[in-house]
Amino acid sequence: MSLWTDDRTYEPPPPRPPRKPSEPAAAPPPAAPPPPRQPSRWPAALGGGLVSAVAVSAVLLGTGLAGGDDTTTTAAAPATPTPAVANANNSRGDLVRSVYAAASPSVVSVRTQTGSGTGFLVDNDGTIVTNAHVVGDSQQVQVRFDDKGELHNAQVLSVDTSTDLAALKVDGGAPDGVRPLQLADSDKVQVGDPAIAIGYPLGLDRTATAGIVSGLERQIQAPNGFSIDKVIQTDAAVNPGNSGGPLLNANGQVIGVNSQIATAGGGEGNVGIAFAIPVNTVKEVLPQLESGTAPQHAYLGLQTSDTANGDGAQIAAATPGGPSARAGLQAGDVVTKVDGDDVHGADDVAAAIEDNKPGDKVEVTVKRGGSEQTIDVTLGQRPDQLP
């Protein structure tokens, strides 16, 4: 899989861009099936909103930890009751039923003028998290807490296309008795953990699917072309309509936000590879989203690729006018360290500035012409779109 790191890993582009997990609203589908899509090995965010009045988004079925020491991001908000942890005497069905009963009231259908997806409540004030690609350019959307309930207006507080996350605020707050979901620690998720996804696949009312975490530390492409890292991969049977919905662990805690699926052979449905944005990323950007501002992300302005022997990341290009180009980094340099952290490949460049902010200075050590030198780079603000 070709992935952009930090700013970009220099590799060929995918055959086609990912499809967003929501699809545009439309009338009921014609009897004839749609023309097949071209084969792709890339993550596909299911596109649009409703297809023939069907809400579309990708629900990722990951897994989570059964540990009970995680807390909500809003201390004052009571957490959704934690179901019993699965053990040798509890069947998978018992676990799914327990998690669904506790968490599903906090999972909502999100509807826009042009599409639909899923979201979930994160505090008692009516704040809902969903995908940025679900709300698009909307300033106001409608949400429904109960399958048979009324639609509530919700304001779009802010979106972050770099992480594909958005925060909504329900007018009047959440209905009585509906409590926020608890946010886990996605860094503790392990391959093989059980997980439950709840959402609105293909326009069906609140639906639960279950599976395991099949991979960690994946990268997917954000709506603005940059990469999202530490993504959770799952084998869950997820489908359009669930984008923005929660991926839950055995305690009913959120470990990820369902965002994209991979497709192959021209199909549009799930093939056992799906992706969720880690909930720790939600924790990082949610305070800014709630305040109505777009989160800031540090930017080096480099296109890099792995070296053959794993001794660094080779610069293919420094974005003209970008932070690295202004500092003097150039194509052909091999980055070996960033702020003292060893760089063995392109992904390490992105990881090295992950916790930095625009305006921070970092030392970038490069090999050039047989010698090694260290260059100070002042990080910039990531642009709205990949240059």
Protein backbone atom coordinates (compact mmCIF):
# COMPACT_ATOMS: atom_id res chain seq x y z
CA MET A 1 0.00 0.00 0.00
CA SER A 2 1.41 3.40 -0.94
CA LEU A 3 1.07 5.88 1.87
CA TRP A 4 1.83 9.55 2.42
CA THR A 5 3.91 10.06 5.53
CA ASP A 6 4.15 13.33 7.46
CA ASP A 7 3.44 15.20 4.34
CA ARG A 8 3.90 12.45 1.78
CA THR A 9 5.68 9.22 1.16
CA TYR A 10 6.88 9.35 -2.40
CA GLU A 11 5.17 6.42 -4.09
CA PRO A 12 2.82 6.05 -7.04
CA PRO A 13 -0.76 7.23 -6.40
CA PRO A 14 -3.56 4.67 -5.96
CA PRO A 15 -5.60 3.60 -9.01
CA ARG A 16 -8.45 5.69 -7.70
CA PRO A 17 -9.10 7.78 -4.57
CA PRO A 18 -10.78 6.23 -1.52
CA ARG A 19 -14.54 6.22 -1.53
CA LYS A 20 -16.07 8.03 1.41
CA PRO A 21 -18.26 5.91 3.72
CA SER A 22 -21.34 8.01 3.10
CA GLU A 23 -23.11 8.30 -0.22
CA PRO A 24 -25.31 10.97 -1.81
CA ALA A 25 -29.01 10.81 -1.21
CA ALA A 26 -31.00 9.54 -4.14
CA ALA A 27 -34.26 7.99 -5.20
CA PRO A 28 -34.76 4.18 -4.91
CA PRO A 29 -32.22 2.34 -7.05
CA PRO A 30 -33.09 1.08 -10.52
CA ALA A 31 -33.48 -2.65 -11.03
CA ALA A 32 -30.25 -2.87 -13.02
CA PRO A 33 -27.09 -2.98 -10.91
CA PRO A 34 -24.67 -0.05 -11.13
CA PRO A 35 -21.66 -0.46 -13.40
CA PRO A 36 -18.76 -2.18 -11.61
CA ARG A 37 -15.97 -0.08 -10.21
CA GLN A 38 -12.40 -0.68 -11.27
CA PRO A 39 -10.42 -3.05 -9.02
CA SER A 40 -8.53 -1.35 -6.25
CA ARG A 41 -6.20 -2.42 -3.48
CA TRP A 42 -6.67 0.90 -1.67
CA PRO A 43 -8.73 1.72 1.41
CA ALA A 44 -12.07 3.03 0.22
CA ALA A 45 -14.16 5.40 2.26
CA LEU A 46 -17.60 4.57 1.00
CA GLY A 47 -18.75 7.60 -0.91
CA GLY A 48 -21.56 10.03 -0.60
CA GLY A 49 -24.57 9.56 1.62
CA LEU A 50 -27.80 7.77 0.84
CA VAL A 51 -28.00 5.44 -2.09
CA SER A 52 -31.61 4.97 -3.10
CA ALA A 53 -32.63 6.43 0.24
CA VAL A 54 -30.04 4.28 1.94
CA ALA A 55 -27.54 5.80 4.33
CA VAL A 56 -24.03 4.87 3.35
CA SER A 57 -20.80 4.83 5.34
CA ALA A 58 -18.22 2.29 6.40
CA VAL A 59 -18.53 0.66 9.77
CA LEU A 60 -15.29 -0.69 11.06
CA LEU A 61 -15.43 -3.65 13.35
CA GLY A 62 -12.33 -3.50 15.42
CA THR A 63 -11.75 -4.57 18.94
CA GLY A 64 -10.99 -3.15 22.24
CA LEU A 65 -9.66 -3.89 25.64
CA ALA A 66 -11.71 -5.42 28.37
CA GLY A 67 -9.84 -3.37 30.95
CA GLY A 68 -12.00 -1.20 33.16
CA ASP A 69 -9.62 1.67 33.94
CA ASP A 70 -10.42 3.89 30.95
CA THR A 71 -12.31 7.12 31.55
CA THR A 72 -14.35 9.53 29.49
CA THR A 73 -12.73 12.64 28.05
CA THR A 74 -15.32 14.77 29.86
CA ALA A 75 -14.97 14.02 33.55
CA ALA A 76 -18.35 15.44 34.48
CA ALA A 77 -20.22 13.27 32.01
CA PRO A 78 -21.48 9.93 33.34
CA ALA A 79 -20.25 7.04 31.25
CA THR A 80 -22.44 4.48 29.57
CA PRO A 81 -22.78 1.48 31.90
CA THR A 82 -19.94 -0.98 31.33
CA PRO A 83 -21.19 -4.44 30.37
CA ALA A 84 -19.64 -7.55 31.83
CA VAL A 85 -16.35 -8.57 30.30
CA ALA A 86 -16.49 -11.72 28.22
CA ASN A 87 -15.08 -14.81 29.90
CA ALA A 88 -15.04 -18.52 29.39
CA ASN A 89 -18.66 -18.77 30.53
CA ASN A 90 -19.95 -16.01 28.25
CA SER A 91 -20.64 -16.67 24.60
CA ARG A 92 -19.87 -14.17 21.86
CA GLY A 93 -23.59 -13.59 21.50
CA ASP A 94 -23.86 -12.70 25.18
CA LEU A 95 -21.06 -10.17 24.80
CA VAL A 96 -22.54 -8.52 21.71
CA ARG A 97 -25.99 -8.32 23.28
CA SER A 98 -24.56 -6.75 26.43
CA VAL A 99 -22.51 -4.14 24.56
CA TYR A 100 -25.35 -3.33 22.16
CA ALA A 101 -27.87 -2.86 24.97
CA ALA A 102 -25.58 -0.47 26.85
CA ALA A 103 -24.13 1.52 23.94
CA SER A 104 -26.72 1.65 21.16
CA PRO A 105 -28.89 4.43 22.68
CA SER A 106 -25.88 6.77 22.31
CA VAL A 107 -25.34 5.95 18.61
CA VAL A 108 -27.16 8.27 16.19
CA SER A 109 -28.05 8.54 12.55
CA VAL A 110 -26.56 11.68 10.98
CA ARG A 111 -28.35 13.20 7.99
CA THR A 112 -27.27 16.07 5.76
CA GLN A 113 -28.81 17.72 2.69
CA THR A 114 -26.89 15.31 0.46
CA GLY A 115 -26.11 12.24 2.50
CA SER A 116 -26.05 10.29 5.70
CA GLY A 117 -23.82 8.48 8.17
CA THR A 118 -23.45 7.60 11.85
CA GLY A 119 -22.24 9.39 14.98
CA PHE A 120 -22.08 8.88 18.75
CA LEU A 121 -22.61 10.99 21.87
CA VAL A 122 -19.47 11.94 23.84
CA ASP A 123 -20.80 14.28 26.57
CA ASN A 124 -23.98 15.31 28.38
CA ASP A 125 -24.12 18.64 26.54
CA GLY A 126 -25.12 16.96 23.29
CA THR A 127 -21.72 16.78 21.57
CA ILE A 128 -21.52 14.11 18.88
CA VAL A 129 -18.46 12.80 17.05
CA THR A 130 -18.67 11.67 13.42
CA ASN A 131 -16.51 11.71 10.27
CA ALA A 132 -15.65 14.96 8.50
CA HIS A 133 -16.58 13.36 5.18
CA VAL A 134 -20.05 12.56 6.55
CA VAL A 135 -20.93 16.23 7.18
CA GLY A 136 -18.95 17.65 4.26
CA ASP A 137 -19.55 21.40 3.98
CA SER A 138 -22.77 21.34 6.03
CA GLN A 139 -23.19 23.89 8.80
CA GLN A 140 -26.21 22.11 10.24
CA VAL A 141 -27.32 18.48 10.11
CA GLN A 142 -30.06 16.37 11.65
CA VAL A 143 -29.56 13.47 14.03
CA ARG A 144 -31.89 10.77 15.29
CA PHE A 145 -31.27 9.02 18.61
CA ASP A 146 -34.03 6.47 18.34
CA ASP A 147 -34.89 4.41 15.29
CA LYS A 148 -38.52 5.51 15.59
CA GLY A 149 -37.79 8.89 17.13
CA GLU A 150 -37.82 12.42 15.81
CA LEU A 151 -34.98 14.18 14.02
CA HIS A 152 -33.04 16.78 16.04
CA ASN A 153 -31.16 19.70 14.54
CA ALA A 154 -27.44 19.70 15.27
CA GLN A 155 -24.87 22.40 14.54
CA VAL A 156 -21.53 21.46 13.00
CA LEU A 157 -19.05 22.89 15.50
CA SER A 158 -15.95 22.20 13.42
CA VAL A 159 -14.35 19.63 11.12
CA ASP A 160 -10.78 18.38 10.78
CA THR A 161 -10.19 16.95 7.33
CA SER A 162 -6.66 15.88 8.34
CA THR A 163 -8.11 13.32 10.78
CA ASP A 164 -11.52 12.93 9.07
CA LEU A 165 -13.31 13.90 12.29
CA ALA A 166 -16.10 16.36 13.06
CA ALA A 167 -17.95 17.52 16.17
CA LEU A 168 -21.68 18.29 16.25
CA LYS A 169 -23.85 19.89 18.94
CA VAL A 170 -27.48 18.85 19.28
CA ASP A 171 -29.89 21.73 19.82
CA GLY A 172 -31.27 21.38 23.34
CA GLY A 173 -28.76 18.68 24.29
CA ALA A 174 -29.19 14.92 24.28
CA PRO A 175 -32.57 13.39 25.15
CA ASP A 176 -33.15 12.48 28.79
CA GLY A 177 -31.62 9.18 29.77
CA VAL A 178 -29.13 9.03 26.89
CA ARG A 179 -25.61 9.00 28.25
CA PRO A 180 -22.26 9.50 26.49
CA LEU A 181 -20.08 6.63 25.43
CA GLN A 182 -16.84 6.06 27.30
CA LEU A 183 -13.58 6.53 25.39
CA ALA A 184 -10.94 3.83 25.83
CA ASP A 185 -7.16 3.91 25.18
CA SER A 186 -6.64 2.81 21.59
CA ASP A 187 -2.89 2.39 22.18
CA LYS A 188 -3.75 -0.70 24.24
CA VAL A 189 -5.70 -2.45 21.48
CA GLN A 190 -4.16 -5.73 20.35
CA VAL A 191 -4.59 -7.90 17.28
CA GLY A 192 -7.19 -10.55 18.06
CA ASP A 193 -9.20 -8.41 20.49
CA PRO A 194 -12.98 -8.74 20.09
CA ALA A 195 -14.96 -5.70 18.97
CA ILE A 196 -18.47 -4.52 18.17
CA ALA A 197 -19.47 -1.86 15.65
CA ILE A 198 -22.85 -0.13 15.82
CA GLY A 199 -24.20 2.01 13.02
CA TYR A 200 -26.62 2.45 10.13
CA PRO A 201 -25.35 0.27 7.24
CA LEU A 202 -27.25 0.64 3.98
CA GLY A 203 -30.01 2.60 5.68
CA LEU A 204 -30.91 -0.15 8.12
CA ASP A 205 -31.76 0.95 11.65
CA ARG A 206 -29.12 0.64 14.34
CA THR A 207 -27.17 -2.49 13.51
CA ALA A 208 -24.44 -4.35 15.40
CA THR A 209 -21.63 -6.37 13.82
CA ALA A 210 -18.78 -8.14 15.57
CA GLY A 211 -15.29 -9.31 14.71
CA ILE A 212 -11.68 -8.95 15.72
CA VAL A 213 -8.85 -6.49 15.26
CA SER A 214 -6.85 -7.90 12.37
CA GLY A 215 -4.11 -5.26 12.17
CA LEU A 216 -2.69 -2.16 13.86
CA GLU A 217 -0.57 0.86 12.97
CA ARG A 218 -2.16 1.14 9.50
CA GLN A 219 -2.35 4.40 7.54
CA ILE A 220 -5.27 5.63 5.45
CA GLN A 221 -5.73 8.74 3.36
CA ALA A 222 -7.63 11.65 4.90
CA PRO A 223 -10.12 13.67 2.81
CA ASN A 224 -7.45 16.36 2.27
CA GLY A 225 -4.90 13.88 0.93
CA PHE A 226 -2.68 13.64 4.02
CA SER A 227 -2.31 10.42 5.97
CA ILE A 228 -4.01 9.29 9.18
CA ASP A 229 -1.80 6.99 11.21
CA LYS A 230 -2.22 4.41 14.00
CA VAL A 231 -5.38 3.23 12.25
CA ILE A 232 -7.06 0.02 13.40
CA GLN A 233 -7.71 -2.67 10.78
CA THR A 234 -10.52 -5.17 11.26
CA ASP A 235 -12.06 -8.13 9.48
CA ALA A 236 -15.59 -7.05 10.41
CA ALA A 237 -18.37 -7.19 7.84
CA VAL A 238 -18.92 -3.44 7.58
CA ASN A 239 -20.77 -1.62 4.84
CA PRO A 240 -21.81 1.84 3.59
CA GLY A 241 -23.88 3.80 6.07
CA ASN A 242 -21.73 3.37 9.18
CA SER A 243 -19.07 6.06 8.69
CA GLY A 244 -18.57 8.01 11.88
CA GLY A 245 -19.96 5.25 14.07
CA PRO A 246 -18.16 3.79 17.09
CA LEU A 247 -15.97 0.71 17.18
CA LEU A 248 -16.39 -0.69 20.70
CA ASN A 249 -14.46 -3.02 22.97
CA ALA A 250 -15.81 -5.72 25.27
CA ASN A 251 -16.63 -3.08 27.90
CA GLY A 252 -18.66 -0.98 25.49
CA GLN A 253 -15.92 1.67 25.31
CA VAL A 254 -15.05 3.39 22.03
CA ILE A 255 -11.68 2.39 20.57
CA GLY A 256 -12.14 3.86 17.09
CA VAL A 257 -14.32 5.76 14.63
CA ASN A 258 -15.33 3.68 11.62
CA SER A 259 -14.17 5.40 8.45
CA GLN A 260 -13.09 3.32 5.44
CA ILE A 261 -13.11 -0.12 3.88
CA ALA A 262 -10.92 -1.75 1.26
CA THR A 263 -12.51 -3.13 -1.91
CA ALA A 264 -11.31 -5.38 -4.71
CA GLY A 265 -12.51 -6.84 -7.98
CA GLY A 266 -14.80 -3.95 -8.83
CA GLY A 267 -17.08 -4.50 -5.83
CA GLU A 268 -18.29 -1.86 -3.41
CA GLY A 269 -18.96 -3.98 -0.34
CA ASN A 270 -16.79 -5.14 2.51
CA VAL A 271 -14.19 -7.80 1.74
CA GLY A 272 -12.96 -8.28 5.29
CA ILE A 273 -10.61 -5.29 5.46
CA ALA A 274 -11.91 -2.17 7.16
CA PHE A 275 -10.35 0.76 9.01
CA ALA A 276 -11.18 2.85 12.08
CA ILE A 277 -9.58 6.12 13.22
CA PRO A 278 -8.13 5.46 16.71
CA VAL A 279 -10.04 7.05 19.56
CA ASN A 280 -6.84 8.57 20.98
CA THR A 281 -6.84 10.78 17.89
CA VAL A 282 -10.37 11.83 18.81
CA LYS A 283 -9.16 12.77 22.29
CA GLU A 284 -6.42 14.94 20.80
CA VAL A 285 -8.58 16.99 18.44
CA LEU A 286 -11.97 17.03 20.18
CA PRO A 287 -11.29 20.00 22.49
CA GLN A 288 -10.45 22.19 19.49
CA LEU A 289 -13.40 20.89 17.49
CA GLU A 290 -15.75 21.65 20.40
CA SER A 291 -14.39 25.19 20.58
CA GLY A 292 -15.29 25.70 16.92
CA THR A 293 -11.72 25.83 15.61
CA ALA A 294 -9.97 23.52 13.18
CA PRO A 295 -7.09 21.63 14.85
CA GLN A 296 -3.59 22.59 13.75
CA HIS A 297 -1.15 19.97 12.49
CA ALA A 298 2.61 20.35 12.14
CA TYR A 299 3.98 20.26 8.60
CA LEU A 300 7.47 19.61 7.25
CA GLY A 301 6.70 19.86 3.56
CA LEU A 302 8.60 16.77 2.40
CA GLN A 303 7.97 13.90 0.05
CA THR A 304 9.97 10.94 1.32
CA SER A 305 10.42 7.26 0.53
CA ASP A 306 12.07 4.30 2.26
CA THR A 307 15.71 3.61 1.49
CA ALA A 308 16.76 0.20 0.24
CA ASN A 309 18.77 -0.64 3.36
CA GLY A 310 16.47 0.96 5.92
CA ASP A 311 19.00 3.54 7.04
CA GLY A 312 16.75 6.57 6.64
CA ALA A 313 14.11 8.23 4.45
CA GLN A 314 15.16 9.69 1.11
CA ILE A 315 13.74 13.06 0.16
CA ALA A 316 12.13 12.94 -3.27
CA ALA A 317 11.08 16.58 -3.11
CA ALA A 318 10.76 19.48 -0.69
CA THR A 319 7.52 21.37 -1.27
CA PRO A 320 8.40 24.76 -2.82
CA GLY A 321 7.98 27.49 -0.23
CA GLY A 322 7.42 24.90 2.50
CA PRO A 323 9.23 24.72 5.85
CA SER A 324 11.86 22.20 4.72
CA ALA A 325 12.60 23.94 1.44
CA ARG A 326 13.05 27.27 3.24
CA ALA A 327 15.45 25.61 5.67
CA GLY A 328 17.56 24.18 2.85
CA LEU A 329 16.53 20.52 2.69
CA GLN A 330 16.52 19.21 -0.86
CA ALA A 331 15.78 16.21 -3.07
CA GLY A 332 18.36 13.47 -2.67
CA ASP A 333 19.01 14.12 1.02
CA VAL A 334 18.53 11.07 3.26
CA VAL A 335 16.88 11.92 6.58
CA THR A 336 18.48 9.88 9.39
CA LYS A 337 17.18 11.70 12.48
CA VAL A 338 14.41 14.16 13.40
CA ASP A 339 14.88 15.88 16.77
CA GLY A 340 17.17 13.07 17.86
CA ASP A 341 14.78 10.26 16.91
CA ASP A 342 16.28 7.73 14.52
CA VAL A 343 14.63 7.51 11.12
CA HIS A 344 14.63 4.08 9.45
CA GLY A 345 11.93 4.80 6.88
CA ALA A 346 9.43 7.36 5.61
CA ASP A 347 6.86 6.57 8.30
CA ASP A 348 9.36 7.56 11.00
CA VAL A 349 9.51 11.10 9.64
CA ALA A 350 5.80 11.56 10.27
CA ALA A 351 5.98 9.92 13.69
CA ALA A 352 8.83 12.19 14.78
CA ILE A 353 6.75 15.38 14.48
CA GLU A 354 3.43 13.87 15.51
CA ASP A 355 3.41 15.64 18.89
CA ASN A 356 4.75 18.95 17.59
CA LYS A 357 2.82 22.09 16.76
CA PRO A 358 3.21 24.64 13.96
CA GLY A 359 5.98 27.05 14.91
CA ASP A 360 8.04 24.45 16.75
CA LYS A 361 11.67 24.05 15.69
CA VAL A 362 13.03 20.58 14.96
CA GLU A 363 16.53 19.40 14.06
CA VAL A 364 16.61 17.31 10.89
CA THR A 365 19.81 15.32 10.34
CA VAL A 366 20.51 14.32 6.74
CA LYS A 367 23.19 12.60 4.71
CA ARG A 368 24.22 14.65 1.70
CA GLY A 369 27.16 14.06 -0.61
CA GLY A 370 28.86 11.59 1.70
CA SER A 371 28.67 13.81 4.78
CA GLU A 372 26.10 14.29 7.52
CA GLN A 373 24.66 17.61 8.63
CA THR A 374 21.90 18.85 10.90
CA ILE A 375 19.46 21.53 9.74
CA ASP A 376 16.95 23.46 11.89
CA VAL A 377 13.44 23.50 10.44
CA THR A 378 10.56 25.62 11.77
CA LEU A 379 7.41 23.56 11.32
CA GLY A 380 4.52 25.11 9.41
CA GLN A 381 0.76 24.65 9.52
CA ARG A 382 -0.48 21.81 7.35
CA PRO A 383 -2.38 23.20 4.34
CA ASP A 384 -6.05 22.42 3.73
CA GLN A 385 -5.11 20.16 0.82
CA LEU A 386 -2.03 18.12 -0.04
CA PRO A 387 0.05 20.29 -2.42
